[in-house]
Amino acid sequence: MQKTIITVVGKDAVGIIAKVCTYLASNQINILDISQTIVSGYFNMMMIADTSASNKTTEEVRHELHQIGKEIGVDIHVQHEGIFEMMHRI
């Protein structure tokens, strides 16, 4: 299993989750865990996804999700689980 952390942040709008999840499903990326919240009109979502069945590299997924984020007005970041953990250690 190749776990990847995906974060989405921006002004809330209709279709953010649908757009991101449609991309993931069409690229054989399985969502293992998801958390989302809206605070004062700002959308925040964090996903843990398994990218091992996808034909795309992490860099391709990162670039394509970044482009989707630009289209819908949110910031989307993609990181390997190991990098995410190293960055968030004390």
N, C-alpha and C. Protein backbone atom coordinates (compact mmCIF):
# COMPACT_ATOMS: atom_id res chain seq x y z
N MET A 1 0.84 -1.18 0.00
CA MET A 1 0.00 0.00 0.00
C MET A 1 0.89 1.24 0.00
N GLN A 2 0.54 2.20 -0.83
CA GLN A 2 1.28 3.46 -0.91
C GLN A 2 0.34 4.58 -0.47
N LYS A 3 0.52 5.01 0.78
CA LYS A 3 -0.36 6.04 1.32
C LYS A 3 0.11 7.43 0.93
N THR A 4 -0.86 8.26 0.57
CA THR A 4 -0.62 9.63 0.17
C THR A 4 -1.58 10.53 0.94
N ILE A 5 -1.08 11.67 1.39
CA ILE A 5 -1.89 12.65 2.10
C ILE A 5 -2.30 13.73 1.11
N ILE A 6 -3.60 14.00 1.05
CA ILE A 6 -4.13 15.04 0.17
C ILE A 6 -4.88 16.05 1.04
N THR A 7 -4.52 17.32 0.93
CA THR A 7 -5.22 18.37 1.67
C THR A 7 -5.83 19.35 0.68
N VAL A 8 -7.02 19.83 1.02
CA VAL A 8 -7.74 20.78 0.19
C VAL A 8 -8.21 21.91 1.09
N VAL A 9 -7.85 23.16 0.75
CA VAL A 9 -8.22 24.31 1.58
C VAL A 9 -8.65 25.45 0.67
N GLY A 10 -9.72 26.14 1.06
CA GLY A 10 -10.17 27.31 0.30
C GLY A 10 -11.56 27.73 0.68
N LYS A 11 -12.07 28.73 -0.01
CA LYS A 11 -13.44 29.19 0.21
C LYS A 11 -14.40 28.06 -0.17
N ASP A 12 -15.42 27.85 0.64
CA ASP A 12 -16.38 26.78 0.37
C ASP A 12 -17.16 27.08 -0.91
N ALA A 13 -17.42 26.04 -1.68
CA ALA A 13 -18.21 26.14 -2.91
C ALA A 13 -18.82 24.77 -3.20
N VAL A 14 -19.85 24.77 -3.97
CA VAL A 14 -20.50 23.52 -4.36
C VAL A 14 -19.57 22.71 -5.26
N GLY A 15 -19.43 21.41 -4.97
CA GLY A 15 -18.73 20.50 -5.87
C GLY A 15 -17.27 20.24 -5.59
N ILE A 16 -16.71 20.81 -4.52
CA ILE A 16 -15.28 20.59 -4.25
C ILE A 16 -15.00 19.11 -4.03
N ILE A 17 -15.73 18.49 -3.12
CA ILE A 17 -15.51 17.07 -2.82
C ILE A 17 -15.77 16.22 -4.07
N ALA A 18 -16.83 16.52 -4.79
CA ALA A 18 -17.16 15.75 -5.99
C ALA A 18 -16.05 15.81 -7.02
N LYS A 19 -15.50 16.99 -7.25
CA LYS A 19 -14.45 17.16 -8.26
C LYS A 19 -13.19 16.36 -7.88
N VAL A 20 -12.78 16.48 -6.61
CA VAL A 20 -11.58 15.77 -6.16
C VAL A 20 -11.80 14.26 -6.17
N CYS A 21 -12.93 13.81 -5.65
CA CYS A 21 -13.19 12.37 -5.58
C CYS A 21 -13.39 11.75 -6.96
N THR A 22 -13.97 12.48 -7.89
CA THR A 22 -14.11 11.98 -9.25
C THR A 22 -12.73 11.76 -9.88
N TYR A 23 -11.83 12.71 -9.68
CA TYR A 23 -10.46 12.56 -10.18
C TYR A 23 -9.81 11.32 -9.57
N LEU A 24 -9.91 11.17 -8.25
CA LEU A 24 -9.27 10.03 -7.58
C LEU A 24 -9.82 8.71 -8.10
N ALA A 25 -11.14 8.60 -8.20
CA ALA A 25 -11.77 7.36 -8.66
C ALA A 25 -11.36 7.03 -10.09
N SER A 26 -11.30 8.04 -10.95
CA SER A 26 -10.95 7.79 -12.35
C SER A 26 -9.49 7.39 -12.52
N ASN A 27 -8.68 7.60 -11.49
CA ASN A 27 -7.27 7.22 -11.53
C ASN A 27 -6.93 6.08 -10.58
N GLN A 28 -7.95 5.32 -10.19
CA GLN A 28 -7.77 4.13 -9.34
C GLN A 28 -7.09 4.45 -8.01
N ILE A 29 -7.41 5.61 -7.45
CA ILE A 29 -6.86 6.01 -6.16
C ILE A 29 -7.97 5.85 -5.13
N ASN A 30 -7.72 5.00 -4.14
CA ASN A 30 -8.72 4.67 -3.13
C ASN A 30 -8.60 5.58 -1.90
N ILE A 31 -9.71 6.14 -1.48
CA ILE A 31 -9.72 6.96 -0.27
C ILE A 31 -9.83 6.03 0.93
N LEU A 32 -8.83 6.08 1.81
CA LEU A 32 -8.81 5.24 3.00
C LEU A 32 -9.46 5.94 4.19
N ASP A 33 -9.28 7.25 4.27
CA ASP A 33 -9.84 8.04 5.37
C ASP A 33 -10.04 9.46 4.86
N ILE A 34 -11.07 10.12 5.37
CA ILE A 34 -11.36 11.48 4.92
C ILE A 34 -11.99 12.25 6.07
N SER A 35 -11.58 13.50 6.18
CA SER A 35 -12.14 14.41 7.17
C SER A 35 -12.31 15.76 6.49
N GLN A 36 -13.46 16.37 6.67
CA GLN A 36 -13.67 17.68 6.09
C GLN A 36 -14.50 18.53 7.04
N THR A 37 -14.23 19.81 7.00
CA THR A 37 -14.97 20.74 7.84
C THR A 37 -15.09 22.08 7.12
N ILE A 38 -16.09 22.83 7.50
CA ILE A 38 -16.27 24.18 6.99
C ILE A 38 -16.36 25.09 8.19
N VAL A 39 -15.48 26.10 8.24
CA VAL A 39 -15.45 27.05 9.34
C VAL A 39 -15.54 28.46 8.76
N SER A 40 -16.59 29.17 9.13
CA SER A 40 -16.80 30.55 8.66
C SER A 40 -16.65 30.68 7.15
N GLY A 41 -17.18 29.71 6.41
CA GLY A 41 -17.15 29.77 4.95
C GLY A 41 -15.89 29.23 4.31
N TYR A 42 -14.95 28.73 5.11
CA TYR A 42 -13.71 28.17 4.58
C TYR A 42 -13.75 26.64 4.67
N PHE A 43 -13.44 26.01 3.56
CA PHE A 43 -13.47 24.56 3.41
C PHE A 43 -12.09 24.00 3.72
N ASN A 44 -12.04 22.92 4.49
CA ASN A 44 -10.78 22.25 4.81
C ASN A 44 -11.02 20.74 4.76
N MET A 45 -10.24 20.03 3.95
CA MET A 45 -10.39 18.58 3.85
C MET A 45 -9.01 17.93 3.86
N MET A 46 -8.93 16.82 4.56
CA MET A 46 -7.71 16.02 4.57
C MET A 46 -8.10 14.58 4.25
N MET A 47 -7.35 13.99 3.33
CA MET A 47 -7.61 12.60 2.94
C MET A 47 -6.32 11.80 3.06
N ILE A 48 -6.50 10.54 3.39
CA ILE A 48 -5.42 9.57 3.27
C ILE A 48 -5.88 8.63 2.16
N ALA A 49 -5.06 8.52 1.13
CA ALA A 49 -5.45 7.73 -0.04
C ALA A 49 -4.37 6.70 -0.37
N ASP A 50 -4.81 5.59 -0.95
CA ASP A 50 -3.90 4.54 -1.42
C ASP A 50 -3.73 4.71 -2.92
N THR A 51 -2.53 5.07 -3.34
CA THR A 51 -2.25 5.31 -4.76
C THR A 51 -1.56 4.13 -5.44
N SER A 52 -1.45 3.01 -4.75
CA SER A 52 -0.68 1.88 -5.31
C SER A 52 -1.30 1.27 -6.57
N ALA A 53 -2.61 1.39 -6.76
CA ALA A 53 -3.24 0.81 -7.96
C ALA A 53 -3.26 1.78 -9.14
N SER A 54 -2.83 3.01 -8.92
CA SER A 54 -2.87 4.03 -9.98
C SER A 54 -1.66 3.90 -10.91
N ASN A 55 -1.88 4.22 -12.17
CA ASN A 55 -0.80 4.26 -13.15
C ASN A 55 -0.03 5.57 -13.10
N LYS A 56 -0.52 6.53 -12.32
CA LYS A 56 0.09 7.86 -12.25
C LYS A 56 1.14 7.90 -11.16
N THR A 57 2.19 8.69 -11.41
CA THR A 57 3.19 8.92 -10.37
C THR A 57 2.63 9.95 -9.38
N THR A 58 3.25 10.02 -8.22
CA THR A 58 2.82 11.02 -7.24
C THR A 58 2.95 12.42 -7.83
N GLU A 59 3.99 12.66 -8.60
CA GLU A 59 4.18 13.99 -9.21
C GLU A 59 3.06 14.31 -10.20
N GLU A 60 2.63 13.32 -10.98
CA GLU A 60 1.52 13.54 -11.91
C GLU A 60 0.23 13.84 -11.15
N VAL A 61 -0.04 13.07 -10.10
CA VAL A 61 -1.23 13.30 -9.28
C VAL A 61 -1.16 14.69 -8.66
N ARG A 62 -0.01 15.04 -8.12
CA ARG A 62 0.19 16.36 -7.51
C ARG A 62 -0.12 17.47 -8.51
N HIS A 63 0.45 17.36 -9.70
CA HIS A 63 0.26 18.39 -10.72
C HIS A 63 -1.21 18.48 -11.17
N GLU A 64 -1.82 17.34 -11.43
CA GLU A 64 -3.19 17.33 -11.93
C GLU A 64 -4.18 17.82 -10.87
N LEU A 65 -3.99 17.43 -9.61
CA LEU A 65 -4.86 17.93 -8.56
C LEU A 65 -4.64 19.42 -8.32
N HIS A 66 -3.40 19.87 -8.47
CA HIS A 66 -3.12 21.30 -8.34
C HIS A 66 -3.90 22.08 -9.41
N GLN A 67 -3.93 21.56 -10.63
CA GLN A 67 -4.68 22.20 -11.71
C GLN A 67 -6.17 22.22 -11.43
N ILE A 68 -6.69 21.11 -10.91
CA ILE A 68 -8.11 21.06 -10.54
C ILE A 68 -8.39 22.09 -9.46
N GLY A 69 -7.50 22.19 -8.48
CA GLY A 69 -7.66 23.18 -7.42
C GLY A 69 -7.72 24.59 -7.96
N LYS A 70 -6.87 24.91 -8.94
CA LYS A 70 -6.89 26.24 -9.55
C LYS A 70 -8.23 26.49 -10.24
N GLU A 71 -8.76 25.46 -10.91
CA GLU A 71 -10.04 25.59 -11.61
C GLU A 71 -11.20 25.88 -10.66
N ILE A 72 -11.17 25.27 -9.48
CA ILE A 72 -12.30 25.41 -8.56
C ILE A 72 -12.01 26.38 -7.41
N GLY A 73 -10.83 26.98 -7.40
CA GLY A 73 -10.53 28.03 -6.43
C GLY A 73 -10.09 27.57 -5.06
N VAL A 74 -9.43 26.41 -5.00
CA VAL A 74 -8.90 25.91 -3.72
C VAL A 74 -7.44 25.51 -3.91
N ASP A 75 -6.72 25.37 -2.79
CA ASP A 75 -5.35 24.87 -2.83
C ASP A 75 -5.38 23.38 -2.50
N ILE A 76 -4.79 22.58 -3.37
CA ILE A 76 -4.71 21.13 -3.15
C ILE A 76 -3.24 20.75 -3.08
N HIS A 77 -2.88 20.07 -1.98
CA HIS A 77 -1.50 19.61 -1.80
C HIS A 77 -1.49 18.09 -1.67
N VAL A 78 -0.48 17.47 -2.26
CA VAL A 78 -0.34 16.01 -2.26
C VAL A 78 1.06 15.67 -1.78
N GLN A 79 1.15 14.77 -0.77
CA GLN A 79 2.45 14.35 -0.23
C GLN A 79 2.42 12.86 0.08
N HIS A 80 3.58 12.22 -0.08
CA HIS A 80 3.73 10.84 0.42
C HIS A 80 3.53 10.86 1.94
N GLU A 81 2.98 9.81 2.47
CA GLU A 81 2.75 9.72 3.92
C GLU A 81 4.05 9.92 4.69
N GLY A 82 5.14 9.31 4.24
CA GLY A 82 6.41 9.42 4.95
C GLY A 82 6.92 10.85 5.02
N ILE A 83 6.79 11.59 3.93
CA ILE A 83 7.22 12.99 3.91
C ILE A 83 6.34 13.80 4.84
N PHE A 84 5.04 13.56 4.79
CA PHE A 84 4.10 14.27 5.65
C PHE A 84 4.46 14.05 7.12
N GLU A 85 4.73 12.80 7.48
CA GLU A 85 5.08 12.49 8.88
C GLU A 85 6.37 13.15 9.29
N MET A 86 7.38 13.15 8.44
CA MET A 86 8.66 13.78 8.77
C MET A 86 8.50 15.29 8.95
N MET A 87 7.67 15.91 8.14
CA MET A 87 7.47 17.35 8.22
C MET A 87 6.70 17.76 9.48
N HIS A 88 5.91 16.84 10.03
CA HIS A 88 5.06 17.19 11.17
C HIS A 88 5.53 16.59 12.50
N ARG A 89 6.78 16.16 12.52
CA ARG A 89 7.35 15.72 13.80
C ARG A 89 7.74 16.93 14.61
N ILE A 90 7.82 16.74 15.90
CA ILE A 90 8.17 17.85 16.79
C ILE A 90 9.60 18.29 16.58
